Structure formats: structure tokens, C-alpha cells
PDB file of N, CA and C in Angstrom:
ATOM      1  N   MET A   1       8.286-133.316 167.178  1.00  0.00           N
ATOM      2  CA  MET A   1       8.788-132.055 167.430  1.00  0.00           C
ATOM      3  C   MET A   1       8.446-131.440 166.267  1.00  0.00           C
ATOM      4  N   ARG A   2       8.290-129.869 166.774  1.00  0.00           N
ATOM      5  CA  ARG A   2       7.960-128.960 165.543  1.00  0.00           C
ATOM      6  C   ARG A   2       8.913-127.886 165.688  1.00  0.00           C
ATOM      7  N   HIS A   3       9.070-127.450 164.206  1.00  0.00           N
ATOM      8  CA  HIS A   3      10.679-126.629 163.932  1.00  0.00           C
ATOM      9  C   HIS A   3       9.602-125.319 163.375  1.00  0.00           C
ATOM     10  N   VAL A   4      10.233-124.350 163.739  1.00  0.00           N
ATOM     11  CA  VAL A   4       9.816-122.927 163.428  1.00  0.00           C
ATOM     12  C   VAL A   4      10.898-122.156 163.222  1.00  0.00           C
ATOM     13  N   GLU A   5      10.879-121.033 161.789  1.00  0.00           N
ATOM     14  CA  GLU A   5      11.946-120.678 161.748  1.00  0.00           C
ATOM     15  C   GLU A   5      11.226-119.275 160.714  1.00  0.00           C
ATOM     16  N   PHE A   6      11.467-118.159 161.309  1.00  0.00           N
ATOM     17  CA  PHE A   6      10.894-117.197 160.186  1.00  0.00           C
ATOM     18  C   PHE A   6      12.108-115.426 160.523  1.00  0.00           C
ATOM     19  N   ARG A   7      12.122-114.813 159.668  1.00  0.00           N
ATOM     20  CA  ARG A   7      12.744-113.388 160.126  1.00  0.00           C
ATOM     21  C   ARG A   7      11.567-112.330 160.331  1.00  0.00           C
ATOM     22  N   ARG A   8      11.823-111.167 160.912  1.00  0.00           N
ATOM     23  CA  ARG A   8      10.719-109.942 160.809  1.00  0.00           C
ATOM     24  C   ARG A   8      11.449-108.644 160.846  1.00  0.00           C
ATOM     25  N   LEU A   9      11.036-108.136 159.639  1.00  0.00           N
ATOM     26  CA  LEU A   9      12.023-106.732 159.790  1.00  0.00           C
ATOM     27  C   LEU A   9      11.274-105.847 160.776  1.00  0.00           C
ATOM     28  N   LEU A  10      11.872-105.306 161.616  1.00  0.00           N
ATOM     29  CA  LEU A  10      11.455-104.798 162.586  1.00  0.00           C
ATOM     30  C   LEU A  10      11.540-102.859 162.069  1.00  0.00           C
ATOM     31  N   GLU A  11      12.574-103.017 161.482  1.00  0.00           N
ATOM     32  CA  GLU A  11      12.969-101.759 160.737  1.00  0.00           C
ATOM     33  C   GLU A  11      13.509-101.606 159.435  1.00  0.00           C
ATOM     34  N   ASP A  12      13.907-100.355 158.342  1.00  0.00           N
ATOM     35  CA  ASP A  12      14.093-100.974 157.274  1.00  0.00           C
ATOM     36  C   ASP A  12      15.635-101.307 157.438  1.00  0.00           C
ATOM     37  N   ASN A  13      16.327-101.311 158.515  1.00  0.00           N
ATOM     38  CA  ASN A  13      17.832-101.992 158.432  1.00  0.00           C
ATOM     39  C   ASN A  13      18.010-103.167 159.724  1.00  0.00           C
ATOM     40  N   ILE A  14      16.740-103.135 160.384  1.00  0.00           N
ATOM     41  CA  ILE A  14      16.991-103.876 161.647  1.00  0.00           C
ATOM     42  C   ILE A  14      15.795-104.945 161.525  1.00  0.00           C
ATOM     43  N   ALA A  15      16.380-106.395 161.899  1.00  0.00           N
ATOM     44  CA  ALA A  15      15.769-107.383 161.827  1.00  0.00           C
ATOM     45  C   ALA A  15      15.958-108.389 163.004  1.00  0.00           C
ATOM     46  N   LEU A  16      14.465-109.282 163.178  1.00  0.00           N
ATOM     47  CA  LEU A  16      14.750-109.971 163.985  1.00  0.00           C
ATOM     48  C   LEU A  16      14.664-111.695 163.387  1.00  0.00           C
ATOM     49  N   ARG A  17      15.706-112.337 163.701  1.00  0.00           N
ATOM     50  CA  ARG A  17      15.363-113.616 163.198  1.00  0.00           C
ATOM     51  C   ARG A  17      15.406-114.503 164.307  1.00  0.00           C
ATOM     52  N   VAL A  18      14.514-115.346 163.956  1.00  0.00           N
ATOM     53  CA  VAL A  18      13.966-116.387 165.251  1.00  0.00           C
ATOM     54  C   VAL A  18      14.177-118.099 164.667  1.00  0.00           C
ATOM     55  N   GLU A  19      14.404-119.011 165.274  1.00  0.00           N
ATOM     56  CA  GLU A  19      14.338-120.257 164.808  1.00  0.00           C
ATOM     57  C   GLU A  19      14.140-121.462 166.575  1.00  0.00           C
ATOM     58  N   PHE A  20      13.087-121.983 166.303  1.00  0.00           N
ATOM     59  CA  PHE A  20      13.119-122.721 167.470  1.00  0.00           C
ATOM     60  C   PHE A  20      12.374-124.199 167.123  1.00  0.00           C
ATOM     61  N   ASP A  21      13.187-124.684 168.398  1.00  0.00           N
ATOM     62  CA  ASP A  21      12.145-126.521 168.198  1.00  0.00           C
ATOM     63  C   ASP A  21      11.651-126.556 169.734  1.00  0.00           C
ATOM     64  N   SER A  22      10.382-127.270 169.364  1.00  0.00           N
ATOM     65  CA  SER A  22       9.651-127.604 170.542  1.00  0.00           C
ATOM     66  C   SER A  22       8.992-128.884 170.363  1.00  0.00           C
ATOM     67  N   GLU A  23       8.576-129.156 171.449  1.00  0.00           N
ATOM     68  CA  GLU A  23       7.628-130.805 172.133  1.00  0.00           C
ATOM     69  C   GLU A  23       6.765-130.557 172.722  1.00  0.00           C
ATOM     70  N   ARG A  24       5.336-130.738 172.539  1.00  0.00           N
ATOM     71  CA  ARG A  24       4.884-130.400 173.465  1.00  0.00           C
ATOM     72  C   ARG A  24       4.245-129.334 174.064  1.00  0.00           C
ATOM     73  N   GLY A  25       4.768-128.477 173.225  1.00  0.00           N
ATOM     74  CA  GLY A  25       4.793-126.634 173.671  1.00  0.00           C
ATOM     75  C   GLY A  25       6.079-126.637 174.658  1.00  0.00           C
ATOM     76  N   ARG A  26       6.752-126.968 174.808  1.00  0.00           N
ATOM     77  CA  ARG A  26       8.264-126.837 175.696  1.00  0.00           C
ATOM     78  C   ARG A  26       9.046-126.768 174.568  1.00  0.00           C
ATOM     79  N   ILE A  27       9.815-124.952 174.371  1.00  0.00           N
ATOM     80  CA  ILE A  27      10.964-125.012 173.723  1.00  0.00           C
ATOM     81  C   ILE A  27      12.238-125.870 174.187  1.00  0.00           C
ATOM     82  N   ILE A  28      12.356-126.716 173.080  1.00  0.00           N
ATOM     83  CA  ILE A  28      13.941-127.574 173.541  1.00  0.00           C
ATOM     84  C   ILE A  28      15.068-126.960 172.906  1.00  0.00           C
ATOM     85  N   HIS A  29      14.882-125.968 171.892  1.00  0.00           N
ATOM     86  CA  HIS A  29      16.140-125.319 171.452  1.00  0.00           C
ATOM     87  C   HIS A  29      15.453-124.059 170.814  1.00  0.00           C
ATOM     88  N   PHE A  30      16.446-123.191 170.856  1.00  0.00           N
ATOM     89  CA  PHE A  30      16.080-121.582 170.249  1.00  0.00           C
ATOM     90  C   PHE A  30      17.373-120.663 170.054  1.00  0.00           C
ATOM     91  N   VAL A  31      16.893-119.819 168.774  1.00  0.00           N
ATOM     92  CA  VAL A  31      18.009-119.142 168.143  1.00  0.00           C
ATOM     93  C   VAL A  31      17.218-117.444 168.392  1.00  0.00           C
ATOM     94  N   ALA A  32      17.277-116.407 168.682  1.00  0.00           N
ATOM     95  CA  ALA A  32      16.808-115.534 168.515  1.00  0.00           C
ATOM     96  C   ALA A  32      18.068-114.327 168.283  1.00  0.00           C
ATOM     97  N   GLN A  33      18.312-113.720 167.070  1.00  0.00           N
ATOM     98  CA  GLN A  33      19.302-113.082 166.604  1.00  0.00           C
ATOM     99  C   GLN A  33      18.802-111.654 166.162  1.00  0.00           C
ATOM    100  N   LEU A  34      19.640-110.554 166.332  1.00  0.00           N
ATOM    101  CA  LEU A  34      19.451-108.956 165.807  1.00  0.00           C
ATOM    102  C   LEU A  34      20.119-109.143 164.525  1.00  0.00           C
ATOM    103  N   GLU A  35      19.446-108.362 163.697  1.00  0.00           N
ATOM    104  CA  GLU A  35      20.757-108.335 162.416  1.00  0.00           C
ATOM    105  C   GLU A  35      20.186-107.129 161.979  1.00  0.00           C
ATOM    106  N   CYS A  36      21.286-106.669 161.522  1.00  0.00           N
ATOM    107  CA  CYS A  36      21.551-105.075 161.189  1.00  0.00           C
ATOM    108  C   CYS A  36      22.251-105.053 159.883  1.00  0.00           C
ATOM    109  N   GLN A  37      21.856-103.675 159.086  1.00  0.00           N
ATOM    110  CA  GLN A  37      22.784-103.362 158.217  1.00  0.00           C
ATOM    111  C   GLN A  37      23.042-102.147 158.397  1.00  0.00           C
ATOM    112  N   PHE A  38      24.320-101.834 157.988  1.00  0.00           N
ATOM    113  CA  PHE A  38      24.973-100.379 157.995  1.00  0.00           C
ATOM    114  C   PHE A  38      25.645 -99.463 157.106  1.00  0.00           C
ATOM    115  N   ASP A  39      25.568 -98.462 156.811  1.00  0.00           N
ATOM    116  CA  ASP A  39      25.800 -97.496 155.742  1.00  0.00           C
ATOM    117  C   ASP A  39      25.559 -97.776 154.436  1.00  0.00           C
ATOM    118  N   ASP A  40      24.639 -98.124 154.188  1.00  0.00           N
ATOM    119  CA  ASP A  40      23.749 -98.726 153.010  1.00  0.00           C
ATOM    120  C   ASP A  40      24.145 -99.702 152.318  1.00  0.00           C
ATOM    121  N   ASP A  41      25.135-100.728 153.388  1.00  0.00           N
ATOM    122  CA  ASP A  41      25.258-102.168 152.626  1.00  0.00           C
ATOM    123  C   ASP A  41      24.387-102.956 152.575  1.00  0.00           C
ATOM    124  N   GLU A  42      24.286-103.827 152.066  1.00  0.00           N
ATOM    125  CA  GLU A  42      23.385-104.768 151.825  1.00  0.00           C
ATOM    126  C   GLU A  42      23.520-105.905 152.820  1.00  0.00           C
ATOM    127  N   THR A  43      24.335-106.052 153.391  1.00  0.00           N
ATOM    128  CA  THR A  43      25.199-107.313 154.346  1.00  0.00           C
ATOM    129  C   THR A  43      23.827-107.208 155.495  1.00  0.00           C
ATOM    130  N   TRP A  44      23.829-107.872 155.882  1.00  0.00           N
ATOM    131  CA  TRP A  44      22.811-108.098 157.489  1.00  0.00           C
ATOM    132  C   TRP A  44      23.882-108.770 158.520  1.00  0.00           C
ATOM    133  N   ILE A  45      24.074-107.993 159.342  1.00  0.00           N
ATOM    134  CA  ILE A  45      25.355-108.687 160.340  1.00  0.00           C
ATOM    135  C   ILE A  45      24.354-108.887 161.517  1.00  0.00           C
ATOM    136  N   ALA A  46      24.801-109.885 162.548  1.00  0.00           N
ATOM    137  CA  ALA A  46      24.207-110.264 163.425  1.00  0.00           C
ATOM    138  C   ALA A  46      25.115-109.584 164.597  1.00  0.00           C
ATOM    139  N   VAL A  47      24.131-109.127 165.237  1.00  0.00           N
ATOM    140  CA  VAL A  47      24.445-108.118 166.381  1.00  0.00           C
ATOM    141  C   VAL A  47      24.590-108.574 168.029  1.00  0.00           C
ATOM    142  N   VAL A  48      23.436-108.980 168.084  1.00  0.00           N
ATOM    143  CA  VAL A  48      22.996-109.770 169.364  1.00  0.00           C
ATOM    144  C   VAL A  48      22.318-111.271 169.014  1.00  0.00           C
ATOM    145  N   ARG A  49      22.603-112.285 169.891  1.00  0.00           N
ATOM    146  CA  ARG A  49      22.137-113.387 169.775  1.00  0.00           C
ATOM    147  C   ARG A  49      21.789-114.258 170.851  1.00  0.00           C
ATOM    148  N   TYR A  50      20.886-114.304 171.085  1.00  0.00           N
ATOM    149  CA  TYR A  50      20.294-115.349 171.858  1.00  0.00           C
ATOM    150  C   TYR A  50      20.038-116.894 171.748  1.00  0.00           C
ATOM    151  N   ASP A  51      20.589-118.121 172.250  1.00  0.00           N
ATOM    152  CA  ASP A  51      20.604-119.162 171.836  1.00  0.00           C
ATOM    153  C   ASP A  51      20.834-120.169 172.636  1.00  0.00           C
ATOM    154  N   THR A  52      20.533-121.324 172.599  1.00  0.00           N
ATOM    155  CA  THR A  52      20.670-122.501 173.796  1.00  0.00           C
ATOM    156  C   THR A  52      21.858-123.548 173.025  1.00  0.00           C
ATOM    157  N   ALA A  53      22.586-122.882 172.385  1.00  0.00           N
ATOM    158  CA  ALA A  53      24.084-123.970 172.074  1.00  0.00           C
ATOM    159  C   ALA A  53      24.811-124.220 172.969  1.00  0.00           C
ATOM    160  N   HIS A  54      25.400-125.006 173.101  1.00  0.00           N
ATOM    161  CA  HIS A  54      26.322-125.308 174.054  1.00  0.00           C
ATOM    162  C   HIS A  54      25.959-125.746 175.381  1.00  0.00           C
ATOM    163  N   GLY A  55      24.401-125.954 175.503  1.00  0.00           N
ATOM    164  CA  GLY A  55      23.608-126.803 176.350  1.00  0.00           C
ATOM    165  C   GLY A  55      23.000-126.064 177.446  1.00  0.00           C
ATOM    166  N   TYR A  56      22.868-124.421 177.136  1.00  0.00           N
ATOM    167  CA  TYR A  56      22.476-123.638 178.101  1.00  0.00           C
ATOM    168  C   TYR A  56      21.972-122.308 177.328  1.00  0.00           C
ATOM    169  N   ALA A  57      21.076-121.616 178.100  1.00  0.00           N
ATOM    170  CA  ALA A  57      20.705-120.079 177.276  1.00  0.00           C
ATOM    171  C   ALA A  57      21.946-119.462 177.709  1.00  0.00           C
ATOM    172  N   HIS A  58      21.878-118.682 176.651  1.00  0.00           N
ATOM    173  CA  HIS A  58      23.088-117.201 176.734  1.00  0.00           C
ATOM    174  C   HIS A  58      22.505-116.447 175.593  1.00  0.00           C
ATOM    175  N   ARG A  59      23.462-115.425 175.862  1.00  0.00           N
ATOM    176  CA  ARG A  59      23.503-114.052 174.893  1.00  0.00           C
ATOM    177  C   ARG A  59      25.065-114.164 174.164  1.00  0.00           C
ATOM    178  N   ASP A  60      25.175-114.117 173.028  1.00  0.00           N
ATOM    179  CA  ASP A  60      26.124-113.506 172.486  1.00  0.00           C
ATOM    180  C   ASP A  60      25.915-111.965 171.979  1.00  0.00           C
ATOM    181  N   THR A  61      26.827-111.383 172.767  1.00  0.00           N
ATOM    182  CA  THR A  61      26.997-109.731 172.284  1.00  0.00           C
ATOM    183  C   THR A  61      28.236-109.705 170.923  1.00  0.00           C
ATOM    184  N   MET A  62      28.032-109.544 169.992  1.00  0.00           N
ATOM    185  CA  MET A  62      28.777-109.632 168.928  1.00  0.00           C
ATOM    186  C   MET A  62      29.410-108.292 168.939  1.00  0.00           C
ATOM    187  N   HIS A  63      30.708-108.389 168.236  1.00  0.00           N
ATOM    188  CA  HIS A  63      31.685-107.029 167.969  1.00  0.00           C
ATOM    189  C   HIS A  63      32.605-107.297 167.038  1.00  0.00           C
ATOM    190  N   PRO A  64      32.564-106.320 166.066  1.00  0.00           N
ATOM    191  CA  PRO A  64      33.148-106.050 165.084  1.00  0.00           C
ATOM    192  C   PRO A  64      34.755-106.378 164.724  1.00  0.00           C
ATOM    193  N   HIS A  65      35.169-106.276 165.811  1.00  0.00           N
ATOM    194  CA  HIS A  65      36.666-106.611 165.797  1.00  0.00           C
ATOM    195  C   HIS A  65      37.367-107.021 167.289  1.00  0.00           C
ATOM    196  N   GLN A  66      36.541-108.017 167.972  1.00  0.00           N
ATOM    197  CA  GLN A  66      36.683-109.116 168.907  1.00  0.00           C
ATOM    198  C   GLN A  66      35.475-110.360 168.538  1.00  0.00           C
ATOM    199  N   ARG A  67      36.168-111.077 169.609  1.00  0.00           N
ATOM    200  CA  ARG A  67      35.335-112.482 169.663  1.00  0.00           C
ATOM    201  C   ARG A  67      34.052-111.701 170.323  1.00  0.00           C
ATOM    202  N   GLU A  68      32.960-112.833 170.298  1.00  0.00           N
ATOM    203  CA  GLU A  68      31.641-112.375 170.928  1.00  0.00           C
ATOM    204  C   GLU A  68      31.915-112.724 172.403  1.00  0.00           C
ATOM    205  N   GLU A  69      31.086-112.029 173.073  1.00  0.00           N
ATOM    206  CA  GLU A  69      31.243-112.152 174.396  1.00  0.00           C
ATOM    207  C   GLU A  69      29.661-112.655 174.891  1.00  0.00           C
ATOM    208  N   LYS A  70      29.894-114.253 175.831  1.00  0.00           N
ATOM    209  CA  LYS A  70      29.009-114.976 176.271  1.00  0.00           C
ATOM    210  C   LYS A  70      28.503-114.205 177.282  1.00  0.00           C
ATOM    211  N   THR A  71      27.052-114.080 177.741  1.00  0.00           N
ATOM    212  CA  THR A  71      26.634-113.899 178.695  1.00  0.00           C
ATOM    213  C   THR A  71      25.282-115.364 179.360  1.00  0.00           C
ATOM    214  N   ARG A  72      25.817-115.587 180.107  1.00  0.00           N
ATOM    215  CA  ARG A  72      24.704-116.929 180.369  1.00  0.00           C
ATOM    216  C   ARG A  72      23.447-116.205 181.236  1.00  0.00           C
ATOM    217  N   MET A  73      22.164-116.683 180.893  1.00  0.00           N
ATOM    218  CA  MET A  73      20.811-116.277 180.902  1.00  0.00           C
ATOM    219  C   MET A  73      20.329-116.642 182.468  1.00  0.00           C
ATOM    220  N   THR A  74      20.026-116.050 182.964  1.00  0.00           N
ATOM    221  CA  THR A  74      19.634-116.653 184.782  1.00  0.00           C
ATOM    222  C   THR A  74      18.693-117.623 184.841  1.00  0.00           C
ATOM    223  N   MET A  75      17.930-117.483 183.935  1.00  0.00           N
ATOM    224  CA  MET A  75      16.839-118.390 183.665  1.00  0.00           C
ATOM    225  C   MET A  75      16.961-119.503 182.618  1.00  0.00           C
ATOM    226  N   GLN A  76      16.637-120.669 182.815  1.00  0.00           N
ATOM    227  CA  GLN A  76      17.465-121.784 181.896  1.00  0.00           C
ATOM    228  C   GLN A  76      15.964-122.635 181.855  1.00  0.00           C
ATOM    229  N   ASP A  77      14.902-122.167 182.102  1.00  0.00           N
ATOM    230  CA  ASP A  77      13.622-122.802 181.717  1.00  0.00           C
ATOM    231  C   ASP A  77      13.610-122.210 180.079  1.00  0.00           C
ATOM    232  N   TYR A  78      13.800-122.834 178.726  1.00  0.00           N
ATOM    233  CA  TYR A  78      13.888-122.293 177.752  1.00  0.00           C
ATOM    234  C   TYR A  78      12.461-121.661 177.095  1.00  0.00           C
ATOM    235  N   ASN A  79      11.588-121.815 177.747  1.00  0.00           N
ATOM    236  CA  ASN A  79      10.370-120.904 177.369  1.00  0.00           C
ATOM    237  C   ASN A  79      10.290-119.554 177.839  1.00  0.00           C
ATOM    238  N   GLU A  80      10.901-119.268 179.210  1.00  0.00           N
ATOM    239  CA  GLU A  80      10.990-118.046 179.412  1.00  0.00           C
ATOM    240  C   GLU A  80      12.314-117.524 178.946  1.00  0.00           C
ATOM    241  N   ALA A  81      13.295-118.195 178.608  1.00  0.00           N
ATOM    242  CA  ALA A  81      14.349-117.353 178.313  1.00  0.00           C
ATOM    243  C   ALA A  81      13.828-117.020 176.997  1.00  0.00           C
ATOM    244  N   PHE A  82      13.556-117.743 175.756  1.00  0.00           N
ATOM    245  CA  PHE A  82      13.316-117.379 174.896  1.00  0.00           C
ATOM    246  C   PHE A  82      12.247-116.045 174.440  1.00  0.00           C
ATOM    247  N   THR A  83      11.059-116.126 175.553  1.00  0.00           N
ATOM    248  CA  THR A  83      10.364-115.149 175.516  1.00  0.00           C
ATOM    249  C   THR A  83      11.212-113.355 175.810  1.00  0.00           C
ATOM    250  N   MET A  84      12.028-113.752 177.187  1.00  0.00           N
ATOM    251  CA  MET A  84      13.067-112.827 177.334  1.00  0.00           C
ATOM    252  C   MET A  84      13.853-112.124 176.092  1.00  0.00           C
ATOM    253  N   ALA A  85      14.337-113.092 175.537  1.00  0.00           N
ATOM    254  CA  ALA A  85      15.256-112.834 174.465  1.00  0.00           C
ATOM    255  C   ALA A  85      14.437-112.206 173.581  1.00  0.00           C
ATOM    256  N   VAL A  86      13.800-112.513 173.099  1.00  0.00           N
ATOM    257  CA  VAL A  86      12.849-111.713 172.009  1.00  0.00           C
ATOM    258  C   VAL A  86      12.046-110.076 172.073  1.00  0.00           C
ATOM    259  N   ASN A  87      11.816-110.196 173.602  1.00  0.00           N
ATOM    260  CA  ASN A  87      11.413-109.268 174.000  1.00  0.00           C
ATOM    261  C   ASN A  87      12.358-107.919 174.252  1.00  0.00           C
ATOM    262  N   ASP A  88      13.590-108.974 174.780  1.00  0.00           N
ATOM    263  CA  ASP A  88      14.682-107.606 174.726  1.00  0.00           C
ATOM    264  C   ASP A  88      15.296-107.171 173.830  1.00  0.00           C
ATOM    265  N   ILE A  89      15.379-108.209 172.530  1.00  0.00           N
ATOM    266  CA  ILE A  89      15.906-107.374 171.074  1.00  0.00           C
ATOM    267  C   ILE A  89      14.989-106.566 170.543  1.00  0.00           C
ATOM    268  N   VAL A  90      13.655-106.954 170.677  1.00  0.00           N
ATOM    269  CA  VAL A  90      12.622-106.197 170.150  1.00  0.00           C
ATOM    270  C   VAL A  90      12.773-104.883 170.841  1.00  0.00           C
ATOM    271  N   GLY A  91      12.640-104.711 172.365  1.00  0.00           N
ATOM    272  CA  GLY A  91      13.095-103.231 172.721  1.00  0.00           C
ATOM    273  C   GLY A  91      13.874-102.645 173.089  1.00  0.00           C
ATOM    274  N   ARG A  92      15.273-103.227 172.646  1.00  0.00           N
ATOM    275  CA  ARG A  92      16.539-102.411 172.626  1.00  0.00           C
ATOM    276  C   ARG A  92      17.344-102.732 171.454  1.00  0.00           C
ATOM    277  N   ARG A  93      16.488-102.879 170.372  1.00  0.00           N
ATOM    278  CA  ARG A  93      17.035-103.351 169.223  1.00  0.00           C
ATOM    279  C   ARG A  93      17.821-101.651 168.695  1.00  0.00           C
ATOM    280  N   ARG A  94      17.442-100.757 168.774  1.00  0.00           N
ATOM    281  CA  ARG A  94      18.197 -99.657 168.756  1.00  0.00           C
ATOM    282  C   ARG A  94      19.548 -98.881 169.470  1.00  0.00           C
ATOM    283  N   GLU A  95      18.973 -99.676 170.741  1.00  0.00           N
ATOM    284  CA  GLU A  95      20.414 -99.435 171.192  1.00  0.00           C
ATOM    285  C   GLU A  95      21.265-100.308 170.983  1.00  0.00           C
ATOM    286  N   TYR A  96      20.965-101.438 170.777  1.00  0.00           N
ATOM    287  CA  TYR A  96      22.304-102.596 170.104  1.00  0.00           C
ATOM    288  C   TYR A  96      22.536-101.938 168.862  1.00  0.00           C
ATOM    289  N   TYR A  97      21.753-101.124 167.961  1.00  0.00           N
ATOM    290  CA  TYR A  97      21.964-100.901 166.686  1.00  0.00           C
ATOM    291  C   TYR A  97      23.523 -99.767 166.880  1.00  0.00           C
ATOM    292  N   ARG A  98      22.653 -98.790 167.591  1.00  0.00           N
ATOM    293  CA  ARG A  98      24.276 -97.434 167.742  1.00  0.00           C
ATOM    294  C   ARG A  98      25.145 -97.986 168.235  1.00  0.00           C
ATOM    295  N   ARG A  99      25.243 -98.903 169.407  1.00  0.00           N
ATOM    296  CA  ARG A  99      26.281 -99.429 169.927  1.00  0.00           C
ATOM    297  C   ARG A  99      27.210-100.024 169.337  1.00  0.00           C
ATOM    298  N   TYR A 100      26.980-101.344 168.343  1.00  0.00           N
ATOM    299  CA  TYR A 100      27.494-101.861 167.438  1.00  0.00           C
ATOM    300  C   TYR A 100      27.942-100.821 166.072  1.00  0.00           C
ATOM    301  N   GLU A 101      27.054 -99.851 165.651  1.00  0.00           N
ATOM    302  CA  GLU A 101      27.589 -98.679 164.909  1.00  0.00           C
ATOM    303  C   GLU A 101      28.556 -98.334 165.311  1.00  0.00           C
ATOM    304  N   THR A 102      28.748 -97.638 166.905  1.00  0.00           N
ATOM    305  CA  THR A 102      30.199 -97.046 167.106  1.00  0.00           C
ATOM    306  C   THR A 102      31.127 -97.916 167.483  1.00  0.00           C
ATOM    307  N   TRP A 103      31.054 -99.068 167.600  1.00  0.00           N
ATOM    308  CA  TRP A 103      32.335-100.078 167.629  1.00  0.00           C
ATOM    309  C   TRP A 103      32.669 -99.709 166.122  1.00  0.00           C
ATOM    310  N   LEU A 104      31.864 -99.840 165.234  1.00  0.00           N
ATOM    311  CA  LEU A 104      32.292 -99.966 163.761  1.00  0.00           C
ATOM    312  C   LEU A 104      33.339 -99.216 163.541  1.00  0.00           C
ATOM    313  N   LYS A 105      32.922 -97.789 164.271  1.00  0.00           N
ATOM    314  CA  LYS A 105      33.933 -96.572 163.920  1.00  0.00           C
ATOM    315  C   LYS A 105      35.420 -96.723 164.577  1.00  0.00           C
ATOM    316  N   LYS A 106      35.343 -97.365 165.412  1.00  0.00           N
ATOM    317  CA  LYS A 106      36.931 -97.529 166.475  1.00  0.00           C
ATOM    318  C   LYS A 106      37.718 -98.057 165.473  1.00  0.00           C
TER     319      LYS A 106
END
């Protein structure tokens, strides 16, 4: 089994954290998480997380004042789900950042 883990800074206050295990080129477990800093605070906060915990691929949308919202991914092939998750986080990072920032102010 191969284990990969890394964190990539997308912007000064926005990062992508990735972790996955694979066997023979097939992903068997993954986490792709958007982490952000707000208001000059040095704390990194998980804003959106895709993972395979609980035995299926899903997205957790974090909220500062509520429990996270789980959304099951339509694709259950973990390679496809992982690729989609990373692309979604990278492509929509500013949208996710602004939404969470708005929730913080409520």
C-alpha cells in the first residue's frame, strides 16, 4: 500500500490538504480538505472536506455554528471521486472561503 500526504498553499490564506492510500493505482481511502485563515488569525480552519470515512465518498460542508453537512457523492469510484474533489476545492476555493466568512459574521 502507498500512502501520500501533502498540503499545498493555494493563496496566502487558503490551502488544500490531501491524504490518500492506494493499492496498484487504485485509491482505497482519501481526504481532500480546504483549509482557510480568517481575519489575520493564524489558525487554519477546515471549510470543506471530501473523504471516504463511513465507507463511502462524501463531502462535509463545515459551518462555524452548526454540525457539518454531509452530502454523498454520486460517483463511488474513489479515483474519480478524489479527482472531482480536488478539482472542486481548487476551482471553488474563493466561493467556499466567502461563504464561510459570511457564516462567521452571523
